[in-house]
């Protein structure tokens, strides 16, 4: 993890935007992204709970979360810069891909997002074009068709 922290500090010092591929697997499928996954062979081998030790608060421009494997929103919101975005690519059956829906009062979604400093830009929309080249897999390894994956976009206010 220390090599990864050095890379992050170097990018910050150079003024480069930080793009994080959270749950990116062994190797990120996203160009120029810093892969963070507990199975990473390329990038930073770490868990979601380690994000605050790797990235300073408010330092990350974009976080891409494809097929999330555990709760991540609180940690991701902490490292995201104001105006930064979180792109969540998930199937409707993925319990960790669900975001509180601010349009329904019954789940108090708006309150949860406000507490994290996030607002919904897009809720379960069509998969963003820039992610259609990715291969999405179930935990069993089975490939998921991209038309089954939606993108939710959150922005830090």
N, C-alpha and C. Protein backbone atom coordinates (compact mmCIF):
# COMPACT_ATOMS: atom_id res chain seq x y z
N UNK A 1 0.82 -1.19 0.00
CA UNK A 1 0.00 0.00 0.00
C UNK A 1 0.87 1.26 0.00
N UNK A 2 2.06 1.21 0.57
CA UNK A 2 2.91 2.40 0.65
C UNK A 2 3.33 2.90 -0.73
N UNK A 3 3.55 1.98 -1.71
CA UNK A 3 3.86 2.40 -3.07
C UNK A 3 2.69 3.19 -3.65
N UNK A 4 1.50 2.73 -3.38
CA UNK A 4 0.30 3.40 -3.88
C UNK A 4 0.15 4.78 -3.28
N UNK A 5 0.43 4.91 -1.99
CA UNK A 5 0.35 6.21 -1.34
C UNK A 5 1.36 7.17 -1.97
N UNK A 6 2.55 6.66 -2.30
CA UNK A 6 3.57 7.48 -2.97
C UNK A 6 3.09 7.96 -4.33
N UNK A 7 2.45 7.09 -5.10
CA UNK A 7 1.90 7.46 -6.40
C UNK A 7 0.84 8.53 -6.25
N UNK A 8 -0.02 8.38 -5.27
CA UNK A 8 -1.08 9.36 -5.02
C UNK A 8 -0.47 10.71 -4.67
N UNK A 9 0.50 10.72 -3.78
CA UNK A 9 1.16 11.98 -3.40
C UNK A 9 1.83 12.64 -4.59
N UNK A 10 2.46 11.83 -5.44
CA UNK A 10 3.12 12.36 -6.64
C UNK A 10 2.10 13.01 -7.57
N UNK A 11 0.98 12.35 -7.82
CA UNK A 11 -0.05 12.90 -8.70
C UNK A 11 -0.61 14.21 -8.11
N UNK A 12 -0.81 14.24 -6.79
CA UNK A 12 -1.32 15.45 -6.15
C UNK A 12 -0.31 16.59 -6.30
N UNK A 13 0.97 16.28 -6.08
CA UNK A 13 2.02 17.30 -6.20
C UNK A 13 2.11 17.87 -7.61
N UNK A 14 1.85 17.02 -8.61
CA UNK A 14 1.89 17.47 -10.00
C UNK A 14 0.59 18.13 -10.45
N UNK A 15 -0.40 18.14 -9.56
CA UNK A 15 -1.69 18.75 -9.89
C UNK A 15 -2.54 17.91 -10.82
N UNK A 16 -2.23 16.63 -10.92
CA UNK A 16 -2.99 15.73 -11.80
C UNK A 16 -4.30 15.31 -11.11
N UNK A 17 -5.38 15.24 -11.87
CA UNK A 17 -6.64 14.77 -11.27
C UNK A 17 -6.52 13.30 -10.89
N UNK A 18 -7.15 12.94 -9.81
CA UNK A 18 -7.13 11.54 -9.36
C UNK A 18 -8.43 10.86 -9.77
N UNK A 19 -8.29 9.77 -10.50
CA UNK A 19 -9.40 8.93 -10.90
C UNK A 19 -9.19 7.58 -10.23
N UNK A 20 -10.13 7.16 -9.41
CA UNK A 20 -10.01 5.92 -8.66
C UNK A 20 -10.99 4.89 -9.22
N UNK A 21 -10.49 3.69 -9.48
CA UNK A 21 -11.33 2.56 -9.87
C UNK A 21 -11.44 1.68 -8.64
N UNK A 22 -12.53 1.86 -7.91
CA UNK A 22 -12.76 1.11 -6.68
C UNK A 22 -13.40 -0.23 -7.02
N UNK A 23 -12.88 -1.30 -6.49
CA UNK A 23 -13.29 -2.68 -6.82
C UNK A 23 -12.91 -3.00 -8.26
N UNK A 24 -11.77 -2.50 -8.70
CA UNK A 24 -11.32 -2.69 -10.09
C UNK A 24 -10.80 -4.07 -10.40
N UNK A 25 -10.72 -4.95 -9.42
CA UNK A 25 -10.23 -6.31 -9.68
C UNK A 25 -8.71 -6.36 -9.66
N UNK A 26 -8.15 -7.34 -10.32
CA UNK A 26 -6.69 -7.49 -10.33
C UNK A 26 -6.02 -6.35 -11.10
N UNK A 27 -6.66 -5.92 -12.18
CA UNK A 27 -6.15 -4.83 -13.01
C UNK A 27 -7.32 -3.97 -13.48
N UNK A 28 -7.18 -2.67 -13.36
CA UNK A 28 -8.26 -1.76 -13.77
C UNK A 28 -8.49 -1.84 -15.27
N UNK A 29 -9.76 -1.74 -15.66
CA UNK A 29 -10.13 -1.69 -17.07
C UNK A 29 -10.30 -0.24 -17.54
N UNK A 30 -10.02 0.72 -16.64
CA UNK A 30 -10.23 2.14 -16.94
C UNK A 30 -8.88 2.83 -17.11
N UNK A 31 -8.68 3.41 -18.26
CA UNK A 31 -7.43 4.09 -18.59
C UNK A 31 -7.12 5.19 -17.58
N UNK A 32 -5.89 5.23 -17.09
CA UNK A 32 -5.38 6.25 -16.17
C UNK A 32 -6.00 6.23 -14.77
N UNK A 33 -6.71 5.16 -14.45
CA UNK A 33 -7.32 5.06 -13.12
C UNK A 33 -6.35 4.39 -12.15
N UNK A 34 -6.46 4.77 -10.90
CA UNK A 34 -5.72 4.11 -9.83
C UNK A 34 -6.64 3.01 -9.30
N UNK A 35 -6.27 1.78 -9.54
CA UNK A 35 -7.07 0.63 -9.12
C UNK A 35 -6.90 0.42 -7.62
N UNK A 36 -8.02 0.32 -6.90
CA UNK A 36 -7.99 0.01 -5.47
C UNK A 36 -8.91 -1.19 -5.26
N UNK A 37 -8.31 -2.30 -4.89
CA UNK A 37 -9.07 -3.53 -4.66
C UNK A 37 -8.24 -4.44 -3.75
N UNK A 38 -8.91 -5.24 -2.97
CA UNK A 38 -8.18 -6.15 -2.07
C UNK A 38 -7.49 -7.28 -2.83
N UNK A 39 -7.80 -7.43 -4.14
CA UNK A 39 -7.12 -8.43 -4.97
C UNK A 39 -6.24 -7.79 -6.04
N UNK A 40 -6.01 -6.49 -5.94
CA UNK A 40 -5.25 -5.76 -6.97
C UNK A 40 -3.85 -6.33 -7.14
N UNK A 41 -3.48 -6.59 -8.38
CA UNK A 41 -2.11 -6.94 -8.74
C UNK A 41 -1.45 -5.73 -9.37
N UNK A 42 -2.27 -4.87 -9.96
CA UNK A 42 -1.82 -3.61 -10.53
C UNK A 42 -2.64 -2.52 -9.85
N UNK A 43 -1.97 -1.57 -9.22
CA UNK A 43 -2.67 -0.54 -8.48
C UNK A 43 -2.37 -0.67 -7.00
N UNK A 44 -3.39 -0.44 -6.18
CA UNK A 44 -3.21 -0.47 -4.73
C UNK A 44 -4.04 -1.59 -4.14
N UNK A 45 -3.35 -2.52 -3.51
CA UNK A 45 -4.04 -3.64 -2.86
C UNK A 45 -4.51 -3.16 -1.49
N UNK A 46 -5.80 -2.87 -1.40
CA UNK A 46 -6.36 -2.31 -0.17
C UNK A 46 -7.88 -2.49 -0.18
N UNK A 47 -8.48 -2.30 0.98
CA UNK A 47 -9.93 -2.39 1.08
C UNK A 47 -10.53 -0.99 1.14
N UNK A 48 -11.83 -0.93 1.06
CA UNK A 48 -12.56 0.34 1.12
C UNK A 48 -12.20 1.09 2.41
N UNK A 49 -12.06 0.38 3.50
CA UNK A 49 -11.76 1.00 4.79
C UNK A 49 -10.42 1.73 4.78
N UNK A 50 -9.54 1.39 3.84
CA UNK A 50 -8.21 2.01 3.75
C UNK A 50 -8.19 3.31 2.94
N UNK A 51 -9.29 3.65 2.28
CA UNK A 51 -9.29 4.81 1.39
C UNK A 51 -8.80 6.08 2.07
N UNK A 52 -9.21 6.32 3.31
CA UNK A 52 -8.81 7.52 4.04
C UNK A 52 -7.33 7.56 4.36
N UNK A 53 -6.66 6.41 4.37
CA UNK A 53 -5.22 6.36 4.61
C UNK A 53 -4.43 6.55 3.31
N UNK A 54 -5.08 6.29 2.19
CA UNK A 54 -4.42 6.38 0.89
C UNK A 54 -4.60 7.77 0.28
N UNK A 55 -5.82 8.28 0.35
CA UNK A 55 -6.16 9.54 -0.29
C UNK A 55 -6.53 10.59 0.76
N UNK A 56 -5.95 11.79 0.66
CA UNK A 56 -6.36 12.85 1.57
C UNK A 56 -7.83 13.22 1.36
N UNK A 57 -8.51 13.69 2.38
CA UNK A 57 -9.90 14.11 2.20
C UNK A 57 -10.01 15.16 1.09
N UNK A 58 -11.04 15.01 0.26
CA UNK A 58 -11.30 15.98 -0.78
C UNK A 58 -10.26 16.03 -1.89
N UNK A 59 -9.58 14.92 -2.18
CA UNK A 59 -8.49 14.93 -3.17
C UNK A 59 -8.82 14.24 -4.48
N UNK A 60 -9.90 13.48 -4.53
CA UNK A 60 -10.20 12.65 -5.70
C UNK A 60 -11.25 13.31 -6.59
N UNK A 61 -10.99 13.36 -7.88
CA UNK A 61 -11.90 13.98 -8.84
C UNK A 61 -13.05 13.06 -9.24
N UNK A 62 -12.72 11.77 -9.47
CA UNK A 62 -13.73 10.80 -9.89
C UNK A 62 -13.45 9.45 -9.25
N UNK A 63 -14.55 8.79 -8.91
CA UNK A 63 -14.46 7.42 -8.40
C UNK A 63 -15.42 6.58 -9.24
N UNK A 64 -14.90 5.53 -9.83
CA UNK A 64 -15.72 4.60 -10.58
C UNK A 64 -15.84 3.33 -9.74
N UNK A 65 -17.07 2.94 -9.49
CA UNK A 65 -17.34 1.76 -8.67
C UNK A 65 -18.15 0.80 -9.55
N UNK A 66 -17.50 -0.23 -10.06
CA UNK A 66 -18.18 -1.19 -10.92
C UNK A 66 -18.35 -2.51 -10.18
N UNK A 67 -19.61 -2.90 -10.03
CA UNK A 67 -19.90 -4.14 -9.31
C UNK A 67 -19.42 -4.11 -7.88
N UNK A 68 -19.86 -3.13 -7.10
CA UNK A 68 -19.37 -3.01 -5.71
C UNK A 68 -19.58 -4.29 -4.92
N UNK A 69 -18.61 -4.57 -4.04
CA UNK A 69 -18.62 -5.82 -3.28
C UNK A 69 -18.85 -5.61 -1.78
N UNK A 70 -18.92 -4.34 -1.35
CA UNK A 70 -19.17 -4.03 0.05
C UNK A 70 -19.62 -2.57 0.13
N UNK A 71 -20.12 -2.14 1.28
CA UNK A 71 -20.51 -0.73 1.42
C UNK A 71 -19.29 0.17 1.20
N UNK A 72 -19.48 1.27 0.49
CA UNK A 72 -18.36 2.13 0.13
C UNK A 72 -18.69 3.62 0.15
N UNK A 73 -19.96 3.98 0.18
CA UNK A 73 -20.36 5.37 -0.05
C UNK A 73 -19.76 6.35 0.94
N UNK A 74 -19.75 6.00 2.20
CA UNK A 74 -19.23 6.92 3.22
C UNK A 74 -17.75 7.21 3.00
N UNK A 75 -16.95 6.18 2.78
CA UNK A 75 -15.51 6.36 2.56
C UNK A 75 -15.23 7.09 1.25
N UNK A 76 -16.00 6.76 0.20
CA UNK A 76 -15.81 7.41 -1.09
C UNK A 76 -16.15 8.90 -1.00
N UNK A 77 -17.23 9.23 -0.31
CA UNK A 77 -17.64 10.64 -0.17
C UNK A 77 -16.57 11.45 0.55
N UNK A 78 -15.90 10.83 1.51
CA UNK A 78 -14.89 11.52 2.30
C UNK A 78 -13.69 11.97 1.43
N UNK A 79 -13.28 11.15 0.47
CA UNK A 79 -12.09 11.48 -0.32
C UNK A 79 -12.41 12.27 -1.59
N UNK A 80 -13.69 12.41 -1.90
CA UNK A 80 -14.11 13.09 -3.13
C UNK A 80 -14.04 14.60 -2.97
N UNK A 81 -13.54 15.31 -4.00
CA UNK A 81 -13.49 16.77 -3.97
C UNK A 81 -14.87 17.35 -4.27
N UNK A 82 -15.11 18.57 -3.82
CA UNK A 82 -16.35 19.24 -4.21
C UNK A 82 -16.44 19.30 -5.74
N UNK A 83 -17.59 18.93 -6.26
CA UNK A 83 -17.77 18.87 -7.71
C UNK A 83 -17.34 17.54 -8.30
N UNK A 84 -16.66 16.71 -7.51
CA UNK A 84 -16.24 15.39 -7.96
C UNK A 84 -17.42 14.45 -8.07
N UNK A 85 -17.25 13.41 -8.85
CA UNK A 85 -18.36 12.49 -9.09
C UNK A 85 -18.00 11.05 -8.78
N UNK A 86 -19.03 10.32 -8.35
CA UNK A 86 -18.94 8.88 -8.14
C UNK A 86 -19.85 8.24 -9.20
N UNK A 87 -19.29 7.33 -9.98
CA UNK A 87 -20.05 6.59 -11.00
C UNK A 87 -20.20 5.17 -10.48
N UNK A 88 -21.43 4.76 -10.25
CA UNK A 88 -21.70 3.42 -9.73
C UNK A 88 -22.32 2.59 -10.84
N UNK A 89 -21.58 1.59 -11.30
CA UNK A 89 -22.06 0.68 -12.35
C UNK A 89 -22.43 -0.64 -11.68
N UNK A 90 -23.72 -0.96 -11.71
CA UNK A 90 -24.18 -2.16 -11.01
C UNK A 90 -25.47 -2.70 -11.63
N UNK A 91 -25.71 -3.97 -11.39
CA UNK A 91 -26.99 -4.56 -11.79
C UNK A 91 -28.01 -4.24 -10.70
N UNK A 92 -29.28 -4.38 -11.04
CA UNK A 92 -30.32 -4.06 -10.05
C UNK A 92 -30.27 -5.04 -8.87
N UNK A 93 -29.71 -6.20 -9.05
CA UNK A 93 -29.63 -7.18 -7.97
C UNK A 93 -28.44 -6.99 -7.03
N UNK A 94 -27.55 -6.07 -7.35
CA UNK A 94 -26.37 -5.86 -6.50
C UNK A 94 -26.76 -5.01 -5.29
N UNK A 95 -26.73 -5.59 -4.08
CA UNK A 95 -27.16 -4.84 -2.89
C UNK A 95 -26.25 -3.65 -2.56
N UNK A 96 -25.00 -3.70 -2.99
CA UNK A 96 -24.07 -2.61 -2.68
C UNK A 96 -24.11 -1.51 -3.74
N UNK A 97 -24.85 -1.74 -4.82
CA UNK A 97 -25.00 -0.74 -5.87
C UNK A 97 -26.19 0.17 -5.67
N UNK A 98 -26.97 -0.13 -4.64
CA UNK A 98 -28.15 0.67 -4.36
C UNK A 98 -27.77 1.97 -3.65
N UNK A 99 -28.40 3.04 -4.08
CA UNK A 99 -28.17 4.36 -3.51
C UNK A 99 -29.50 4.83 -2.95
N UNK A 100 -29.49 5.50 -1.80
CA UNK A 100 -30.77 6.02 -1.29
C UNK A 100 -31.44 6.89 -2.35
N UNK A 101 -32.70 6.62 -2.61
CA UNK A 101 -33.45 7.35 -3.63
C UNK A 101 -34.09 8.59 -3.01
N UNK A 102 -33.63 9.79 -3.39
CA UNK A 102 -34.14 11.00 -2.78
C UNK A 102 -35.59 11.32 -3.17
N UNK A 103 -36.14 10.59 -4.15
CA UNK A 103 -37.52 10.88 -4.58
C UNK A 103 -38.55 10.16 -3.72
N UNK A 104 -38.11 9.22 -2.90
CA UNK A 104 -39.06 8.52 -2.02
C UNK A 104 -38.76 8.87 -0.58
N UNK A 105 -39.74 9.29 0.13
CA UNK A 105 -39.56 9.70 1.52
C UNK A 105 -39.42 8.50 2.46
N UNK A 106 -39.94 7.34 2.06
CA UNK A 106 -39.97 6.21 2.98
C UNK A 106 -38.59 5.73 3.40
N UNK A 107 -37.55 5.92 2.55
CA UNK A 107 -36.23 5.42 2.96
C UNK A 107 -35.29 6.55 3.39
N UNK A 108 -35.81 7.76 3.48
CA UNK A 108 -35.02 8.91 3.94
C UNK A 108 -33.72 9.05 3.15
N UNK A 109 -33.77 8.70 1.87
CA UNK A 109 -32.58 8.75 1.03
C UNK A 109 -31.96 10.13 0.95
N UNK A 110 -32.79 11.15 0.85
CA UNK A 110 -32.29 12.51 0.73
C UNK A 110 -31.43 12.88 1.93
N UNK A 111 -31.90 12.51 3.13
CA UNK A 111 -31.15 12.83 4.35
C UNK A 111 -29.80 12.13 4.36
N UNK A 112 -29.77 10.86 3.99
CA UNK A 112 -28.52 10.11 3.98
C UNK A 112 -27.52 10.72 3.01
N UNK A 113 -27.96 11.10 1.83
CA UNK A 113 -27.06 11.69 0.85
C UNK A 113 -26.58 13.06 1.29
N UNK A 114 -27.47 13.87 1.86
CA UNK A 114 -27.09 15.21 2.34
C UNK A 114 -26.02 15.09 3.42
N UNK A 115 -26.16 14.12 4.30
CA UNK A 115 -25.17 13.93 5.37
C UNK A 115 -23.80 13.60 4.79
N UNK A 116 -23.76 12.94 3.65
CA UNK A 116 -22.50 12.60 3.00
C UNK A 116 -22.02 13.71 2.07
N UNK A 117 -22.83 14.75 1.89
CA UNK A 117 -22.47 15.84 1.00
C UNK A 117 -22.62 15.48 -0.47
N UNK A 118 -23.55 14.57 -0.78
CA UNK A 118 -23.73 14.09 -2.14
C UNK A 118 -25.12 14.43 -2.67
N UNK A 119 -25.20 14.61 -3.97
CA UNK A 119 -26.50 14.76 -4.62
C UNK A 119 -26.55 13.83 -5.82
N UNK A 120 -27.75 13.39 -6.17
CA UNK A 120 -27.93 12.49 -7.31
C UNK A 120 -27.95 13.31 -8.60
N UNK A 121 -27.12 12.92 -9.54
CA UNK A 121 -27.11 13.51 -10.88
C UNK A 121 -27.91 12.61 -11.80
N UNK A 122 -27.73 11.30 -11.64
CA UNK A 122 -28.45 10.29 -12.43
C UNK A 122 -28.67 9.08 -11.56
N UNK A 123 -29.90 8.58 -11.55
CA UNK A 123 -30.22 7.41 -10.75
C UNK A 123 -30.56 6.25 -11.66
N UNK A 124 -29.71 5.22 -11.65
CA UNK A 124 -29.92 3.99 -12.42
C UNK A 124 -30.22 4.26 -13.89
N UNK A 125 -29.41 5.10 -14.51
CA UNK A 125 -29.57 5.39 -15.93
C UNK A 125 -28.83 4.37 -16.77
N UNK A 126 -28.92 4.56 -18.06
CA UNK A 126 -28.22 3.69 -19.00
C UNK A 126 -26.73 3.72 -18.70
N UNK A 127 -26.06 2.59 -18.88
CA UNK A 127 -24.62 2.50 -18.66
C UNK A 127 -23.92 3.58 -19.46
N UNK A 128 -23.09 4.37 -18.78
CA UNK A 128 -22.34 5.44 -19.45
C UNK A 128 -21.49 4.83 -20.57
N UNK A 129 -21.46 5.51 -21.70
CA UNK A 129 -20.74 5.02 -22.89
C UNK A 129 -19.28 4.71 -22.59
N UNK A 130 -18.66 5.49 -21.73
CA UNK A 130 -17.23 5.27 -21.47
C UNK A 130 -16.95 3.98 -20.71
N UNK A 131 -17.99 3.32 -20.20
CA UNK A 131 -17.81 2.06 -19.46
C UNK A 131 -18.29 0.84 -20.25
N UNK A 132 -18.80 1.05 -21.45
CA UNK A 132 -19.36 -0.09 -22.21
C UNK A 132 -18.30 -1.09 -22.66
N UNK A 133 -17.03 -0.69 -22.66
CA UNK A 133 -15.95 -1.62 -23.05
C UNK A 133 -15.57 -2.57 -21.90
N UNK A 134 -16.03 -2.28 -20.71
CA UNK A 134 -15.66 -3.10 -19.55
C UNK A 134 -16.36 -4.45 -19.58
N UNK A 135 -15.73 -5.43 -18.97
CA UNK A 135 -16.35 -6.73 -18.77
C UNK A 135 -16.79 -6.79 -17.32
N UNK A 136 -18.09 -6.97 -17.12
CA UNK A 136 -18.66 -7.07 -15.78
C UNK A 136 -18.91 -8.55 -15.48
N UNK A 137 -18.59 -8.95 -14.24
CA UNK A 137 -18.75 -10.36 -13.86
C UNK A 137 -19.47 -10.50 -12.53
N UNK A 138 -20.17 -11.59 -12.41
CA UNK A 138 -20.78 -11.95 -11.11
C UNK A 138 -19.67 -12.55 -10.25
N UNK A 139 -19.92 -12.71 -8.96
CA UNK A 139 -18.90 -13.29 -8.08
C UNK A 139 -18.53 -14.71 -8.50
N UNK A 140 -19.41 -15.36 -9.25
CA UNK A 140 -19.13 -16.70 -9.76
C UNK A 140 -18.19 -16.68 -10.96
N UNK A 141 -17.94 -15.48 -11.52
CA UNK A 141 -17.10 -15.36 -12.70
C UNK A 141 -17.89 -15.24 -13.98
N UNK A 142 -19.20 -15.51 -13.91
CA UNK A 142 -20.07 -15.41 -15.09
C UNK A 142 -20.11 -13.96 -15.59
N UNK A 143 -19.99 -13.80 -16.91
CA UNK A 143 -20.02 -12.47 -17.52
C UNK A 143 -21.45 -11.92 -17.49
N UNK A 144 -21.56 -10.64 -17.13
CA UNK A 144 -22.85 -9.95 -17.10
C UNK A 144 -22.95 -9.11 -18.37
N UNK A 145 -24.07 -9.22 -19.07
CA UNK A 145 -24.25 -8.40 -20.28
C UNK A 145 -24.33 -6.93 -19.87
N UNK A 146 -23.68 -6.08 -20.65
CA UNK A 146 -23.63 -4.65 -20.30
C UNK A 146 -25.02 -4.02 -20.28
N UNK A 147 -25.97 -4.55 -21.03
CA UNK A 147 -27.31 -3.96 -21.00
C UNK A 147 -28.02 -4.20 -19.67
N UNK A 148 -27.47 -5.10 -18.84
CA UNK A 148 -28.04 -5.36 -17.51
C UNK A 148 -27.44 -4.44 -16.45
N UNK A 149 -26.47 -3.62 -16.84
CA UNK A 149 -25.77 -2.75 -15.89
C UNK A 149 -26.24 -1.31 -16.08
N UNK A 150 -26.54 -0.65 -14.97
CA UNK A 150 -26.93 0.76 -15.02
C UNK A 150 -25.86 1.60 -14.34
N UNK A 151 -25.91 2.90 -14.61
CA UNK A 151 -24.96 3.83 -13.98
C UNK A 151 -25.74 4.84 -13.14
N UNK A 152 -25.36 4.95 -11.89
CA UNK A 152 -25.84 6.00 -11.01
C UNK A 152 -24.69 6.98 -10.84
N UNK A 153 -24.99 8.27 -10.93
CA UNK A 153 -23.95 9.29 -10.78
C UNK A 153 -24.30 10.17 -9.59
N UNK A 154 -23.33 10.28 -8.68
CA UNK A 154 -23.47 11.16 -7.52
C UNK A 154 -22.41 12.23 -7.60
N UNK A 155 -22.72 13.42 -7.11
CA UNK A 155 -21.78 14.53 -7.14
C UNK A 155 -21.63 15.11 -5.74
N UNK A 156 -20.38 15.45 -5.40
CA UNK A 156 -20.09 16.06 -4.10
C UNK A 156 -20.42 17.54 -4.18
N UNK A 157 -21.24 18.00 -3.24
CA UNK A 157 -21.63 19.42 -3.23
C UNK A 157 -20.81 20.20 -2.24
